[in-house]
Amino acid sequence: MGPAQTGNTSEPEDIMTILDTSEQATSAVTVSLTRRERVVLAELGEDVTLEEIATRLFVTRNTVKSQVRSVYRKIGVSTRSEAVAWAIEHGIR
């Protein structure tokens, strides 16, 4: 059965595009972080307390804690140092 008979019309170039896209998906998690989450993640690398981050962002400490938990979950880390290392690796500063 040829490509026309199976409905599969993918060319090698199309397959390479799909592979390139899937490789880019590993960094696509950055896109899934909200703008605020990226800001909070960058602030974590500044060696400041959650209270100081909250003051800088005009929100409560609890809001920052919630955003930090969300960031940790999305990027798959469990500590501040892991989050900072991830941010550096992905160019978030």
C-alpha atoms as a PDB file:
ATOM      1  CA  MET A   1       0.000   0.000   0.000  1.00  0.00           C
ATOM      2  CA  GLY A   2       1.397   3.407  -0.969  1.00  0.00           C
ATOM      3  CA  PRO A   3       1.085   6.684   0.930  1.00  0.00           C
ATOM      4  CA  ALA A   4      -2.002   7.711  -1.031  1.00  0.00           C
ATOM      5  CA  GLN A   5      -3.786   4.492  -0.087  1.00  0.00           C
ATOM      6  CA  THR A   6      -3.038   4.718   3.646  1.00  0.00           C
ATOM      7  CA  GLY A   7      -3.726   8.422   3.905  1.00  0.00           C
ATOM      8  CA  ASN A   8      -0.169   8.949   5.124  1.00  0.00           C
ATOM      9  CA  THR A   9       1.384  11.652   2.988  1.00  0.00           C
ATOM     10  CA  SER A  10       4.256  12.593   5.307  1.00  0.00           C
ATOM     11  CA  GLU A  11       7.501  13.320   3.569  1.00  0.00           C
ATOM     12  CA  PRO A  12      10.894  12.949   5.314  1.00  0.00           C
ATOM     13  CA  GLU A  13      11.033  16.739   5.686  1.00  0.00           C
ATOM     14  CA  ASP A  14       7.691  16.679   7.522  1.00  0.00           C
ATOM     15  CA  ILE A  15       8.964  14.023   9.898  1.00  0.00           C
ATOM     16  CA  MET A  16      12.099  16.064  10.636  1.00  0.00           C
ATOM     17  CA  THR A  17       9.898  19.068  11.400  1.00  0.00           C
ATOM     18  CA  ILE A  18       7.886  16.960  13.843  1.00  0.00           C
ATOM     19  CA  LEU A  19      11.079  15.719  15.514  1.00  0.00           C
ATOM     20  CA  ASP A  20      12.470  19.250  15.771  1.00  0.00           C
ATOM     21  CA  THR A  21       9.203  20.394  17.307  1.00  0.00           C
ATOM     22  CA  SER A  22       9.232  17.609  19.898  1.00  0.00           C
ATOM     23  CA  GLU A  23      12.808  18.482  20.876  1.00  0.00           C
ATOM     24  CA  GLN A  24      11.733  22.086  21.361  1.00  0.00           C
ATOM     25  CA  ALA A  25       8.894  20.883  23.579  1.00  0.00           C
ATOM     26  CA  THR A  26      11.363  20.286  26.402  1.00  0.00           C
ATOM     27  CA  SER A  27      11.862  24.025  26.658  1.00  0.00           C
ATOM     28  CA  ALA A  28       8.201  24.754  25.931  1.00  0.00           C
ATOM     29  CA  VAL A  29       7.483  24.482  29.654  1.00  0.00           C
ATOM     30  CA  THR A  30       8.937  27.976  29.859  1.00  0.00           C
ATOM     31  CA  VAL A  31       6.052  29.115  27.719  1.00  0.00           C
ATOM     32  CA  SER A  32       3.577  27.486  30.100  1.00  0.00           C
ATOM     33  CA  LEU A  33       4.830  29.690  32.939  1.00  0.00           C
ATOM     34  CA  THR A  34       2.822  32.852  33.263  1.00  0.00           C
ATOM     35  CA  ARG A  35       4.603  36.176  33.039  1.00  0.00           C
ATOM     36  CA  ARG A  36       4.194  36.584  36.808  1.00  0.00           C
ATOM     37  CA  GLU A  37       5.570  33.091  37.457  1.00  0.00           C
ATOM     38  CA  ARG A  38       8.638  33.914  35.361  1.00  0.00           C
ATOM     39  CA  VAL A  39       9.115  37.119  37.373  1.00  0.00           C
ATOM     40  CA  VAL A  40       8.787  35.224  40.661  1.00  0.00           C
ATOM     41  CA  LEU A  41      11.212  32.570  39.421  1.00  0.00           C
ATOM     42  CA  ALA A  42      13.736  35.254  38.499  1.00  0.00           C
ATOM     43  CA  GLU A  43      13.267  36.886  41.917  1.00  0.00           C
ATOM     44  CA  LEU A  44      14.048  33.568  43.631  1.00  0.00           C
ATOM     45  CA  GLY A  45      17.547  33.833  42.197  1.00  0.00           C
ATOM     46  CA  GLU A  46      18.073  37.259  43.754  1.00  0.00           C
ATOM     47  CA  ASP A  47      18.649  35.869  47.274  1.00  0.00           C
ATOM     48  CA  VAL A  48      15.666  37.679  48.767  1.00  0.00           C
ATOM     49  CA  THR A  49      12.949  36.450  51.103  1.00  0.00           C
ATOM     50  CA  LEU A  50       9.408  35.700  50.021  1.00  0.00           C
ATOM     51  CA  GLU A  51       8.343  38.788  51.967  1.00  0.00           C
ATOM     52  CA  GLU A  52      10.760  40.920  49.959  1.00  0.00           C
ATOM     53  CA  ILE A  53       9.486  39.439  46.702  1.00  0.00           C
ATOM     54  CA  ALA A  54       5.921  40.157  47.806  1.00  0.00           C
ATOM     55  CA  THR A  55       6.802  43.767  48.590  1.00  0.00           C
ATOM     56  CA  ARG A  56       8.522  44.213  45.230  1.00  0.00           C
ATOM     57  CA  LEU A  57       5.519  42.768  43.386  1.00  0.00           C
ATOM     58  CA  PHE A  58       2.844  44.500  45.505  1.00  0.00           C
ATOM     59  CA  VAL A  59       1.231  41.219  46.564  1.00  0.00           C
ATOM     60  CA  THR A  60       0.980  39.246  49.796  1.00  0.00           C
ATOM     61  CA  ARG A  61       3.509  36.683  50.957  1.00  0.00           C
ATOM     62  CA  ASN A  62       0.830  34.001  50.555  1.00  0.00           C
ATOM     63  CA  THR A  63       0.354  34.980  46.912  1.00  0.00           C
ATOM     64  CA  VAL A  64       4.089  34.600  46.323  1.00  0.00           C
ATOM     65  CA  LYS A  65       4.077  31.220  48.111  1.00  0.00           C
ATOM     66  CA  SER A  66       1.259  30.071  45.845  1.00  0.00           C
ATOM     67  CA  GLN A  67       3.088  31.256  42.740  1.00  0.00           C
ATOM     68  CA  VAL A  68       6.305  29.558  43.876  1.00  0.00           C
ATOM     69  CA  ARG A  69       4.436  26.264  44.413  1.00  0.00           C
ATOM     70  CA  SER A  70       2.943  26.582  40.935  1.00  0.00           C
ATOM     71  CA  VAL A  71       6.367  27.233  39.400  1.00  0.00           C
ATOM     72  CA  TYR A  72       7.914  24.270  41.233  1.00  0.00           C
ATOM     73  CA  ARG A  73       5.121  21.992  40.011  1.00  0.00           C
ATOM     74  CA  LYS A  74       5.371  23.178  36.407  1.00  0.00           C
ATOM     75  CA  ILE A  75       9.144  22.858  36.142  1.00  0.00           C
ATOM     76  CA  GLY A  76       9.368  19.672  38.200  1.00  0.00           C
ATOM     77  CA  VAL A  77      11.506  20.789  41.120  1.00  0.00           C
ATOM     78  CA  SER A  78      11.043  20.761  44.880  1.00  0.00           C
ATOM     79  CA  THR A  79      13.580  23.253  46.220  1.00  0.00           C
ATOM     80  CA  ARG A  80      14.497  26.861  45.663  1.00  0.00           C
ATOM     81  CA  SER A  81      18.036  25.970  44.602  1.00  0.00           C
ATOM     82  CA  GLU A  82      16.703  23.522  42.000  1.00  0.00           C
ATOM     83  CA  ALA A  83      14.333  26.205  40.708  1.00  0.00           C
ATOM     84  CA  VAL A  84      17.149  28.749  40.443  1.00  0.00           C
ATOM     85  CA  ALA A  85      19.357  26.232  38.617  1.00  0.00           C
ATOM     86  CA  TRP A  86      16.476  25.477  36.226  1.00  0.00           C
ATOM     87  CA  ALA A  87      15.920  29.194  35.636  1.00  0.00           C
ATOM     88  CA  ILE A  88      19.588  29.760  34.821  1.00  0.00           C
ATOM     89  CA  GLU A  89      19.620  26.764  32.485  1.00  0.00           C
ATOM     90  CA  HIS A  90      16.555  28.115  30.660  1.00  0.00           C
ATOM     91  CA  GLY A  91      17.668  31.728  30.521  1.00  0.00           C
ATOM     92  CA  ILE A  92      15.196  33.142  33.036  1.00  0.00           C
ATOM     93  CA  ARG A  93      16.799  35.895  35.075  1.00  0.00           C
END
